Amino acid sequence: MTAFVLVSGMFTGTHVWQETAARLTAAGAEVHPVALTGTEGPRTAPTSGIDLETHIADVLAVIDSVGTATDRKIVLVGHDYGIHPALGAADRRAQRVDRIVYLDSGMPRDGAPALAAVPDQSLRARLAGAGGHQGAGEVLPPPTGHDEWRLWGSTEGVSGTALDRLTALAAPQPLGTLLQPLRLTGAVHAVPTTGVLCTENGASIETVQMLVGFGDPALQALTDPRVTFFELPTGHWPMLSRPAQLADVLLRAAAGEGHRLVPADAAAPPAHLRPFLLDVPEAPRERHGRVDLHLPDADEPRPALLFVHGGPVPADARPTPRDWPTLTGYARCAAAGGAVGAVVDHRLHDLADFERAAADVAAAVESVRADPRVDGDRIALWFFSGGGLIAADWLAAPPAWLRCLAVTYPVLVPLPNWGLSGTRFHPARAVADAGALPVVLTRVGLEMPEIAATVEEFLAAAEDRGADVEVIDVPHGHHSFETVDRTDESRKAVQRAMRSVLDRVAARRDTP
């Protein structure tokens, strides 16, 4: 028999598991929702002395209560914040826990507080000021309405009635539970794991596989055969929006089923390191700090296209983006077309790095414009994937010298679990101020759903404000189609986008 130990997330208690628990029980499993201290009472429940260790003890008590029968398999499920006390408990009962399920949660590491997983980056910074255990006895107030819940994750699929009940039963989060670091001995690493990703909250198996492909050593453990993954097409609270599907996934996870990732060192290179789909001649290349210049054969100053990679890309990923075939391929195309092709290695290594990455891009723009071989009044900026959010700065206040802005399979609205919704990095809002700036958008038909939704939101906003947007569709193309889909359709899309950008950037102001 399988015994599921369910640990809820921020502001929530055992009540969120009711429907899922009922379905698991009907399937013959034992179910033990954990009542975390301070989360089951009213909003004014006392929280003095409650920290992460308190909640780890709560989970340990439930694990120990299940007993030690050899025919009873314990599957420990941690949702959201709940993965922190779940991991802490599993580390101390590694021989008793058969599998850990990360339910739309982060991947906490030894020494990291749960605060690091709070999605709202501005709130995270404010709470970090409390430091250590100074937050003991203090609380983080729970959401008071539907819109406030969205700050903590996508509410897609959760009915208004369910959100009303979630709000009515919400409890304050003791601040000590967020500030106290998680301490692990390493015993937990021997326990098989399953990740359940909620795609409407901005996570998918494809995105995780892409991150593994970048070569981040911290993610290589995810390719262990004992690690499996599932997706649910819903928001951050699947126990409320998809209880039946969640129960089915948990049962399958307990049986060791699920998708397994491909190691980064497999025979086939990851998508970002495969050859570019066009055979473009090399151009003279110069390296200036973070910027590479691919130079055309020209005697007079030429227009320039600056290519901005996506991310986050791990800091130790090698080669770095400016040496990726896609970016060097585009830069050489620009040089072949008579423009300077520039590629910037910006420092978007984490979701908290957008400010720094945007500053790197701005500095790169000034560096390129100042080069005597560049006509500083004829510049185009071209953004890819997650780097698309940085385009918001240039849409919101386009300078006169910016002749065109291009985005390719971009993220144009912060994904719900990125914690950037209240920041300036929101191109779908910024496009309202783009004026006459031409935008060339390359859209792939087989895009990850969570990213495709941001493109559609951007296009709707652009149409509403009459923005000049040319859409180039690649109906059968995937994210990173330039190296993944080596088809005539893909080649024509790249050529059309390049021609469109070059035409706009080359045009002089007096051109009708």
Protein backbone atom coordinates (compact mmCIF):
# COMPACT_ATOMS: atom_id res chain seq x y z
CA MET A 1 0.00 0.00 0.00
CA THR A 2 1.14 3.54 -0.77
CA ALA A 3 0.87 6.20 1.89
CA PHE A 4 0.87 9.75 0.53
CA VAL A 5 2.07 12.43 2.94
CA LEU A 6 0.87 15.78 1.56
CA VAL A 7 2.54 19.06 2.59
CA SER A 8 0.82 22.26 1.51
CA GLY A 9 2.35 25.57 0.48
CA MET A 10 2.19 29.21 1.50
CA PHE A 11 -0.88 30.38 3.43
CA THR A 12 -2.72 27.08 2.93
CA GLY A 13 -3.61 24.12 5.12
CA THR A 14 -4.87 20.57 4.84
CA HIS A 15 -8.17 21.73 3.36
CA VAL A 16 -6.61 22.25 -0.10
CA TRP A 17 -6.03 18.49 -0.47
CA GLN A 18 -9.61 17.35 0.17
CA GLU A 19 -10.62 16.42 -3.38
CA THR A 20 -7.27 14.95 -4.35
CA ALA A 21 -7.09 13.01 -1.09
CA ALA A 22 -10.55 11.57 -1.66
CA ARG A 23 -9.56 10.30 -5.11
CA LEU A 24 -6.32 8.79 -3.82
CA THR A 25 -8.22 7.05 -1.04
CA ALA A 26 -10.73 5.71 -3.54
CA ALA A 27 -7.80 4.23 -5.47
CA GLY A 28 -6.74 2.29 -2.38
CA ALA A 29 -4.01 4.56 -1.04
CA GLU A 30 -3.52 5.98 2.43
CA VAL A 31 -3.51 9.78 2.58
CA HIS A 32 -2.00 11.91 5.35
CA PRO A 33 -2.24 15.70 4.82
CA VAL A 34 0.16 17.44 7.20
CA ALA A 35 -1.20 20.16 9.48
CA LEU A 36 1.71 22.61 9.57
CA THR A 37 1.81 24.57 12.81
CA GLY A 38 0.21 27.98 12.44
CA THR A 39 -1.50 27.28 9.11
CA GLU A 40 -4.71 25.59 10.26
CA GLY A 41 -6.06 28.27 12.60
CA PRO A 42 -7.65 31.66 11.97
CA ARG A 43 -5.77 34.60 10.47
CA THR A 44 -4.85 35.78 13.96
CA ALA A 45 -3.33 32.45 15.05
CA PRO A 46 -0.20 32.90 17.19
CA THR A 47 3.08 32.32 15.34
CA SER A 48 5.71 33.04 17.99
CA GLY A 49 8.63 30.63 17.70
CA ILE A 50 7.40 29.00 14.47
CA ASP A 51 10.16 28.48 11.93
CA LEU A 52 11.15 25.94 9.28
CA GLU A 53 12.31 23.46 11.91
CA THR A 54 8.82 23.60 13.43
CA HIS A 55 7.30 22.53 10.14
CA ILE A 56 9.94 19.87 9.55
CA ALA A 57 8.98 18.41 12.93
CA ASP A 58 5.31 18.43 11.83
CA VAL A 59 6.17 16.37 8.74
CA LEU A 60 8.41 14.01 10.72
CA ALA A 61 5.58 13.33 13.15
CA VAL A 62 3.30 12.26 10.30
CA ILE A 63 5.97 10.07 8.68
CA ASP A 64 6.61 8.37 12.00
CA SER A 65 2.89 7.87 12.58
CA VAL A 66 2.55 5.92 9.32
CA GLY A 67 4.51 3.08 10.88
CA THR A 68 7.29 0.88 9.60
CA ALA A 69 5.42 -1.88 7.78
CA THR A 70 7.62 -3.16 4.96
CA ASP A 71 4.67 -3.31 2.58
CA ARG A 72 3.82 0.37 3.07
CA LYS A 73 5.47 2.79 0.65
CA ILE A 74 5.65 6.46 1.66
CA VAL A 75 5.44 9.10 -1.06
CA LEU A 76 6.13 12.58 0.30
CA VAL A 77 4.51 15.41 -1.71
CA GLY A 78 5.59 19.03 -1.22
CA HIS A 79 3.69 21.83 -2.91
CA ASP A 80 5.19 25.31 -3.23
CA TYR A 81 6.80 26.24 0.14
CA GLY A 82 5.84 22.77 1.39
CA ILE A 83 8.81 21.21 -0.41
CA HIS A 84 11.15 22.81 2.16
CA PRO A 85 9.78 21.04 5.27
CA ALA A 86 9.21 17.93 3.13
CA LEU A 87 12.88 17.77 2.12
CA GLY A 88 14.04 18.56 5.63
CA ALA A 89 11.99 15.66 6.97
CA ALA A 90 12.98 13.27 4.16
CA ASP A 91 16.65 14.01 4.83
CA ARG A 92 16.16 12.67 8.37
CA ARG A 93 14.00 9.71 7.34
CA ALA A 94 15.60 8.83 4.02
CA GLN A 95 15.20 5.10 4.69
CA ARG A 96 11.45 5.52 5.27
CA VAL A 97 10.57 7.70 2.25
CA ASP A 98 10.29 5.92 -1.09
CA ARG A 99 9.76 8.98 -3.32
CA ILE A 100 9.57 12.75 -3.04
CA VAL A 101 7.21 14.65 -5.34
CA TYR A 102 8.04 18.28 -6.09
CA LEU A 103 4.59 19.68 -6.89
CA ASP A 104 5.11 22.91 -8.86
CA SER A 105 7.88 23.87 -6.47
CA GLY A 106 11.48 24.97 -6.58
CA MET A 107 14.54 22.82 -5.97
CA PRO A 108 15.80 23.91 -2.53
CA ARG A 109 19.45 23.30 -1.73
CA ASP A 110 21.26 22.96 1.55
CA GLY A 111 21.60 26.34 3.26
CA ALA A 112 18.91 28.07 1.18
CA PRO A 113 15.91 29.63 2.93
CA ALA A 114 12.42 29.28 1.48
CA LEU A 115 12.53 33.04 0.92
CA ALA A 116 14.67 32.36 -2.16
CA ALA A 117 11.63 30.72 -3.79
CA VAL A 118 9.20 33.60 -3.16
CA PRO A 119 8.17 34.59 -6.71
CA ASP A 120 7.71 38.34 -6.10
CA GLN A 121 11.28 39.64 -6.32
CA SER A 122 10.54 43.02 -4.73
CA LEU A 123 8.80 41.34 -1.78
CA ARG A 124 11.70 38.91 -1.49
CA ALA A 125 14.14 41.79 -1.22
CA ARG A 126 12.09 43.49 1.50
CA LEU A 127 11.72 40.32 3.56
CA ALA A 128 15.41 39.56 3.22
CA GLY A 129 16.03 42.69 5.27
CA ALA A 130 14.63 40.90 8.31
CA GLY A 131 17.57 38.45 8.18
CA GLY A 132 18.27 35.34 10.23
CA HIS A 133 15.65 34.67 12.89
CA GLN A 134 14.73 38.31 13.43
CA GLY A 135 11.41 37.51 11.81
CA ALA A 136 10.43 35.10 14.63
CA GLY A 137 6.90 35.94 15.72
CA GLU A 138 6.25 38.06 12.64
CA VAL A 139 4.00 36.98 9.81
CA LEU A 140 3.46 37.55 6.13
CA PRO A 141 -0.23 38.37 5.67
CA PRO A 142 -2.14 36.05 3.33
CA PRO A 143 -3.81 37.21 0.11
CA THR A 144 -7.13 38.95 0.65
CA GLY A 145 -8.57 38.59 -2.86
CA HIS A 146 -8.31 36.82 -6.18
CA ASP A 147 -5.78 39.25 -7.67
CA GLU A 148 -3.43 38.89 -4.72
CA TRP A 149 -3.27 35.11 -5.14
CA ARG A 150 -1.92 35.68 -8.66
CA LEU A 151 1.18 37.27 -7.14
CA TRP A 152 2.05 33.82 -5.77
CA GLY A 153 1.31 31.76 -8.88
CA SER A 154 -1.10 31.35 -11.75
CA THR A 155 -4.70 30.78 -10.64
CA GLU A 156 -5.60 29.36 -14.04
CA GLY A 157 -8.30 26.71 -13.70
CA VAL A 158 -9.28 27.59 -10.12
CA SER A 159 -12.92 28.61 -9.92
CA GLY A 160 -14.04 31.83 -8.29
CA THR A 161 -15.77 29.81 -5.58
CA ALA A 162 -12.59 27.86 -4.85
CA LEU A 163 -10.58 31.09 -4.70
CA ASP A 164 -13.13 32.56 -2.28
CA ARG A 165 -12.74 29.53 -0.02
CA LEU A 166 -8.96 29.61 -0.37
CA THR A 167 -9.00 33.24 0.75
CA ALA A 168 -11.41 32.63 3.64
CA LEU A 169 -9.27 29.79 5.03
CA ALA A 170 -5.88 31.36 4.32
CA ALA A 171 -3.51 31.70 7.26
CA PRO A 172 -0.57 34.08 7.76
CA GLN A 173 2.81 32.62 6.92
CA PRO A 174 5.16 32.74 9.91
CA LEU A 175 8.14 34.75 8.69
CA GLY A 176 10.57 32.46 10.46
CA THR A 177 9.57 29.62 8.13
CA LEU A 178 10.84 31.67 5.18
CA LEU A 179 14.01 33.04 6.74
CA GLN A 180 15.50 29.95 8.39
CA PRO A 181 17.88 28.12 6.00
CA LEU A 182 17.11 24.53 5.06
CA ARG A 183 19.81 22.20 6.40
CA LEU A 184 20.40 18.90 4.62
CA THR A 185 22.94 16.18 5.37
CA GLY A 186 22.73 14.80 1.83
CA ALA A 187 20.89 11.62 2.79
CA VAL A 188 17.84 12.85 0.89
CA HIS A 189 19.73 12.71 -2.42
CA ALA A 190 19.35 8.92 -2.44
CA VAL A 191 15.54 9.16 -2.50
CA PRO A 192 13.91 8.91 -5.98
CA THR A 193 12.04 12.05 -7.03
CA THR A 194 9.30 13.24 -9.36
CA GLY A 195 8.65 16.76 -10.56
CA VAL A 196 5.07 17.76 -11.39
CA LEU A 197 5.17 20.92 -13.49
CA CYS A 198 2.13 23.15 -13.97
CA THR A 199 2.53 24.63 -17.44
CA GLU A 200 0.17 27.58 -16.92
CA ASN A 201 2.48 28.70 -14.13
CA GLY A 202 5.42 28.94 -16.52
CA ALA A 203 7.12 25.56 -16.16
CA SER A 204 7.31 22.64 -18.59
CA ILE A 205 9.41 19.58 -19.25
CA GLU A 206 10.73 21.21 -22.42
CA THR A 207 12.05 24.23 -20.52
CA VAL A 208 13.73 22.02 -17.92
CA GLN A 209 15.34 19.92 -20.65
CA MET A 210 16.59 23.13 -22.29
CA LEU A 211 18.16 24.27 -19.00
CA VAL A 212 19.82 20.86 -18.58
CA GLY A 213 21.20 21.24 -22.10
CA PHE A 214 22.99 24.45 -21.08
CA GLY A 215 25.25 22.24 -18.97
CA ASP A 216 24.48 23.56 -15.50
CA PRO A 217 26.10 20.97 -13.17
CA ALA A 218 23.45 21.61 -10.53
CA LEU A 219 20.78 20.33 -12.93
CA GLN A 220 22.57 17.21 -14.14
CA ALA A 221 21.11 15.25 -11.23
CA LEU A 222 17.72 15.65 -12.92
CA THR A 223 18.83 13.23 -15.62
CA ASP A 224 19.21 10.39 -13.10
CA PRO A 225 16.93 7.49 -14.15
CA ARG A 226 15.25 7.66 -10.74
CA VAL A 227 14.02 11.18 -11.53
CA THR A 228 10.76 11.49 -13.47
CA PHE A 229 8.55 14.35 -14.60
CA PHE A 230 4.92 15.01 -15.35
CA GLU A 231 3.09 18.07 -16.70
CA LEU A 232 -0.35 19.35 -15.78
CA PRO A 233 -1.97 21.96 -18.07
CA THR A 234 -3.12 24.20 -15.24
CA GLY A 235 -2.00 26.87 -12.79
CA HIS A 236 -0.14 26.73 -9.50
CA TRP A 237 -2.88 25.06 -7.43
CA PRO A 238 -3.64 21.79 -9.29
CA MET A 239 -5.24 20.23 -6.21
CA LEU A 240 -8.01 22.82 -6.67
CA SER A 241 -8.11 23.09 -10.45
CA ARG A 242 -7.32 19.50 -11.55
CA PRO A 243 -7.77 17.22 -8.48
CA ALA A 244 -8.54 14.09 -10.52
CA GLN A 245 -5.59 14.55 -12.87
CA LEU A 246 -3.32 15.34 -9.94
CA ALA A 247 -4.38 12.18 -8.12
CA ASP A 248 -3.67 10.13 -11.26
CA VAL A 249 -0.22 11.72 -11.64
CA LEU A 250 0.64 11.06 -8.00
CA LEU A 251 -0.34 7.41 -8.34
CA ARG A 252 1.77 7.08 -11.48
CA ALA A 253 4.68 8.86 -9.79
CA ALA A 254 4.47 6.40 -6.89
CA ALA A 255 4.81 3.60 -9.46
CA GLY A 256 7.99 5.16 -10.86
CA GLU A 257 6.38 6.34 -14.09
CA GLY A 258 6.98 9.64 -15.84
CA HIS A 259 9.17 11.37 -18.41
CA ARG A 260 12.94 11.11 -18.04
CA LEU A 261 15.31 13.84 -19.18
CA VAL A 262 18.19 13.32 -21.59
CA PRO A 263 21.68 13.99 -20.14
CA ALA A 264 23.53 16.99 -21.55
CA ASP A 265 26.46 14.80 -22.64
CA ALA A 266 24.35 12.53 -24.83
CA ALA A 267 25.49 11.85 -28.39
CA ALA A 268 23.24 14.54 -29.88
CA PRO A 269 24.26 18.09 -28.88
CA PRO A 270 21.64 20.26 -27.16
CA ALA A 271 19.50 22.49 -29.34
CA HIS A 272 21.52 25.66 -28.76
CA LEU A 273 24.77 24.03 -29.95
CA ARG A 274 23.53 22.43 -33.16
CA PRO A 275 24.61 23.94 -36.51
CA PHE A 276 22.81 27.00 -37.85
CA LEU A 277 20.41 26.18 -40.67
CA LEU A 278 21.93 28.60 -43.21
CA ASP A 279 25.36 28.26 -44.78
CA VAL A 280 26.64 31.78 -44.12
CA PRO A 281 30.23 32.83 -44.86
CA GLU A 282 32.33 33.88 -41.92
CA ALA A 283 33.02 37.56 -41.46
CA PRO A 284 35.93 39.21 -39.63
CA ARG A 285 35.12 39.07 -35.92
CA GLU A 286 36.39 41.31 -33.14
CA ARG A 287 35.83 40.92 -29.41
CA HIS A 288 35.35 44.05 -27.31
CA GLY A 289 34.54 43.21 -23.68
CA ARG A 290 31.12 41.56 -23.66
CA VAL A 291 30.45 42.36 -27.33
CA ASP A 292 31.53 40.58 -30.50
CA LEU A 293 31.44 42.47 -33.79
CA HIS A 294 31.02 40.61 -37.09
CA LEU A 295 32.14 43.12 -39.72
CA PRO A 296 30.94 43.55 -43.31
CA ASP A 297 33.21 44.38 -46.21
CA ALA A 298 32.65 48.15 -46.24
CA ASP A 299 34.63 51.37 -46.21
CA GLU A 300 32.00 53.67 -44.75
CA PRO A 301 30.06 53.44 -41.45
CA ARG A 302 27.34 50.83 -41.70
CA PRO A 303 24.09 50.13 -39.81
CA ALA A 304 24.35 47.64 -36.94
CA LEU A 305 22.16 44.84 -35.60
CA LEU A 306 22.70 43.89 -31.95
CA PHE A 307 21.59 40.34 -31.07
CA VAL A 308 20.48 39.71 -27.47
CA HIS A 309 20.37 36.10 -26.30
CA GLY A 310 17.72 34.56 -24.08
CA GLY A 311 18.01 32.90 -20.72
CA PRO A 312 18.57 32.56 -17.89
CA VAL A 313 21.83 30.90 -18.94
CA PRO A 314 24.00 29.41 -16.16
CA ALA A 315 27.07 31.53 -15.42
CA ASP A 316 29.41 28.60 -16.06
CA ALA A 317 27.78 27.48 -19.32
CA ARG A 318 30.40 26.94 -22.03
CA PRO A 319 30.50 28.04 -24.73
CA THR A 320 28.89 31.35 -23.80
CA PRO A 321 25.99 32.61 -25.94
CA ARG A 322 28.05 34.79 -28.27
CA ASP A 323 29.65 31.59 -29.55
CA TRP A 324 26.39 29.72 -30.03
CA PRO A 325 25.73 28.77 -33.67
CA THR A 326 22.38 30.58 -33.77
CA LEU A 327 23.74 33.94 -32.66
CA THR A 328 26.92 33.77 -34.73
CA GLY A 329 24.78 32.64 -37.67
CA TYR A 330 22.49 35.65 -37.40
CA ALA A 331 25.46 38.00 -36.95
CA ARG A 332 27.13 36.64 -40.07
CA CYS A 333 23.86 37.04 -41.97
CA ALA A 334 23.82 40.67 -40.93
CA ALA A 335 27.42 41.15 -42.08
CA ALA A 336 26.66 39.44 -45.39
CA GLY A 337 23.81 41.91 -45.79
CA GLY A 338 26.11 44.90 -45.32
CA ALA A 339 25.50 45.62 -41.64
CA VAL A 340 27.62 45.12 -38.54
CA GLY A 341 26.40 42.06 -36.65
CA ALA A 342 26.96 42.48 -32.92
CA VAL A 343 26.38 39.85 -30.21
CA VAL A 344 26.36 40.65 -26.50
CA ASP A 345 27.12 38.22 -23.66
CA HIS A 346 24.83 39.74 -21.03
CA ARG A 347 24.62 38.40 -17.47
CA LEU A 348 21.13 36.92 -17.29
CA HIS A 349 22.12 33.93 -15.17
CA ASP A 350 19.11 33.91 -12.82
CA LEU A 351 15.59 35.30 -12.81
CA ALA A 352 16.80 37.99 -10.41
CA ASP A 353 19.33 39.21 -13.00
CA PHE A 354 17.10 41.08 -15.45
CA GLU A 355 18.15 44.49 -14.13
CA ARG A 356 21.82 43.60 -14.58
CA ALA A 357 21.24 42.03 -17.99
CA ALA A 358 19.32 45.08 -19.19
CA ALA A 359 22.21 47.29 -18.09
CA ASP A 360 24.63 45.05 -20.01
CA VAL A 361 22.50 45.42 -23.14
CA ALA A 362 22.31 49.20 -22.77
CA ALA A 363 26.10 49.37 -22.36
CA ALA A 364 26.55 47.15 -25.42
CA VAL A 365 24.32 49.45 -27.47
CA GLU A 366 26.44 52.46 -26.56
CA SER A 367 29.63 50.55 -27.31
CA VAL A 368 28.38 49.52 -30.76
CA ARG A 369 27.10 52.99 -31.59
CA ALA A 370 30.43 54.54 -30.62
CA ASP A 371 32.43 52.30 -32.97
CA PRO A 372 33.62 54.41 -35.94
CA ARG A 373 32.63 51.65 -38.37
CA VAL A 374 29.00 51.89 -37.24
CA ASP A 375 26.42 54.48 -38.28
CA GLY A 376 25.11 55.22 -34.80
CA ASP A 377 21.85 56.59 -36.17
CA ARG A 378 20.86 53.30 -37.78
CA ILE A 379 20.62 50.57 -35.17
CA ALA A 380 18.37 47.52 -34.76
CA LEU A 381 17.99 45.41 -31.63
CA TRP A 382 17.09 41.72 -31.95
CA PHE A 383 15.97 39.73 -28.88
CA PHE A 384 15.55 35.98 -28.47
CA SER A 385 13.53 33.82 -26.06
CA GLY A 386 13.68 34.97 -22.42
CA GLY A 387 15.74 37.97 -23.47
CA GLY A 388 12.54 39.28 -25.02
CA LEU A 389 11.54 40.81 -21.69
CA ILE A 390 14.52 43.21 -21.94
CA ALA A 391 12.93 44.61 -25.12
CA ALA A 392 10.41 46.40 -22.90
CA ASP A 393 12.94 49.16 -22.16
CA TRP A 394 13.30 49.98 -25.84
CA LEU A 395 9.59 49.69 -26.64
CA ALA A 396 8.65 52.02 -23.81
CA ALA A 397 10.92 54.85 -24.97
CA PRO A 398 12.37 54.20 -28.46
CA PRO A 399 15.29 56.50 -29.24
CA ALA A 400 15.42 58.15 -32.67
CA TRP A 401 18.39 56.05 -33.78
CA LEU A 402 16.55 52.76 -33.12
CA ARG A 403 15.20 51.90 -36.55
CA CYS A 404 13.79 48.44 -35.82
CA LEU A 405 13.24 46.00 -32.97
CA ALA A 406 13.06 42.28 -33.68
CA VAL A 407 11.99 39.43 -31.38
CA THR A 408 12.26 35.73 -32.17
CA TYR A 409 10.31 33.03 -30.24
CA PRO A 410 10.24 35.59 -27.44
CA VAL A 411 8.84 35.74 -23.94
CA LEU A 412 6.83 38.99 -24.02
CA VAL A 413 5.04 38.80 -20.67
CA PRO A 414 6.76 37.66 -17.47
CA LEU A 415 5.77 34.07 -16.77
CA PRO A 416 3.75 33.71 -13.55
CA ASN A 417 6.49 31.97 -11.59
CA TRP A 418 9.21 34.44 -12.63
CA GLY A 419 8.20 37.09 -10.07
CA LEU A 420 8.51 39.97 -12.56
CA SER A 421 4.88 40.94 -13.14
CA GLY A 422 5.24 44.24 -11.27
CA THR A 423 8.52 45.24 -12.93
CA ARG A 424 9.30 47.20 -16.07
CA PHE A 425 10.13 43.97 -17.96
CA HIS A 426 6.71 43.62 -19.56
CA PRO A 427 6.80 44.19 -23.36
CA ALA A 428 3.06 43.62 -23.75
CA ARG A 429 2.52 46.73 -21.63
CA ALA A 430 5.45 48.69 -23.05
CA VAL A 431 4.27 48.30 -26.66
CA ALA A 432 1.63 50.94 -25.94
CA ASP A 433 4.45 53.53 -26.07
CA ALA A 434 6.32 52.11 -29.06
CA GLY A 435 4.93 54.74 -31.44
CA ALA A 436 6.11 54.21 -35.02
CA LEU A 437 8.96 51.85 -34.10
CA PRO A 438 8.77 48.85 -36.47
CA VAL A 439 8.72 45.47 -34.74
CA VAL A 440 9.54 42.20 -36.54
CA LEU A 441 8.25 39.20 -34.58
CA THR A 442 9.12 35.64 -35.56
CA ARG A 443 6.52 33.25 -34.11
CA VAL A 444 6.87 29.46 -34.08
CA GLY A 445 3.79 27.29 -34.39
CA LEU A 446 5.09 24.58 -32.04
CA GLU A 447 6.05 26.96 -29.26
CA MET A 448 5.83 25.98 -25.61
CA PRO A 449 2.26 26.89 -24.59
CA GLU A 450 3.34 29.08 -21.69
CA ILE A 451 5.49 31.20 -24.02
CA ALA A 452 2.99 31.22 -26.90
CA ALA A 453 0.42 32.80 -24.58
CA THR A 454 2.75 35.75 -23.93
CA VAL A 455 3.17 36.35 -27.67
CA GLU A 456 -0.58 36.42 -28.21
CA GLU A 457 -1.02 38.87 -25.34
CA PHE A 458 1.63 41.11 -26.86
CA LEU A 459 0.04 40.99 -30.32
CA ALA A 460 -3.39 41.84 -28.89
CA ALA A 461 -1.93 44.85 -27.08
CA ALA A 462 -0.01 45.92 -30.20
CA GLU A 463 -3.13 45.75 -32.35
CA ASP A 464 -5.10 47.72 -29.77
CA ARG A 465 -2.52 50.53 -29.87
CA GLY A 466 -1.89 50.40 -33.62
CA ALA A 467 1.74 49.39 -33.28
CA ASP A 468 3.75 48.52 -36.40
CA VAL A 469 4.31 44.77 -35.99
CA GLU A 470 5.24 42.40 -38.79
CA VAL A 471 4.65 38.75 -37.84
CA ILE A 472 6.72 36.07 -39.54
CA ASP A 473 5.22 32.66 -38.85
CA VAL A 474 7.04 29.35 -38.79
CA PRO A 475 4.01 27.01 -38.52
CA HIS A 476 6.03 23.83 -38.02
CA GLY A 477 8.83 25.42 -36.05
CA HIS A 478 9.86 24.85 -32.46
CA HIS A 479 11.61 27.11 -29.98
CA SER A 480 15.20 27.43 -31.30
CA PHE A 481 13.93 26.40 -34.74
CA GLU A 482 17.12 27.69 -36.43
CA THR A 483 19.03 24.66 -35.14
CA VAL A 484 16.19 22.25 -34.36
CA ASP A 485 14.14 22.43 -37.57
CA ARG A 486 16.42 22.48 -40.59
CA THR A 487 13.62 22.86 -43.13
CA ASP A 488 12.94 25.13 -46.10
CA GLU A 489 10.15 26.73 -44.07
CA SER A 490 12.63 27.61 -41.33
CA ARG A 491 15.27 28.90 -43.76
CA LYS A 492 12.78 31.15 -45.50
CA ALA A 493 11.59 32.52 -42.16
CA VAL A 494 15.13 33.47 -41.10
CA GLN A 495 15.86 35.02 -44.49
CA ARG A 496 12.61 36.97 -44.48
CA ALA A 497 13.15 38.29 -40.95
CA MET A 498 16.74 39.30 -41.74
CA ARG A 499 15.75 41.01 -44.96
CA SER A 500 12.95 42.89 -43.19
CA VAL A 501 15.20 44.13 -40.40
CA LEU A 502 18.03 45.06 -42.77
CA ASP A 503 15.65 47.02 -45.01
CA ARG A 504 14.33 49.01 -42.06
CA VAL A 505 17.70 49.71 -40.49
CA ALA A 506 19.30 50.68 -43.79
CA ALA A 507 16.57 53.13 -44.76
CA ARG A 508 17.41 56.79 -44.33
CA ARG A 509 15.00 59.15 -42.60
CA ASP A 510 14.16 60.94 -45.85
CA THR A 511 13.15 57.68 -47.52
CA PRO A 512 9.37 57.79 -48.24
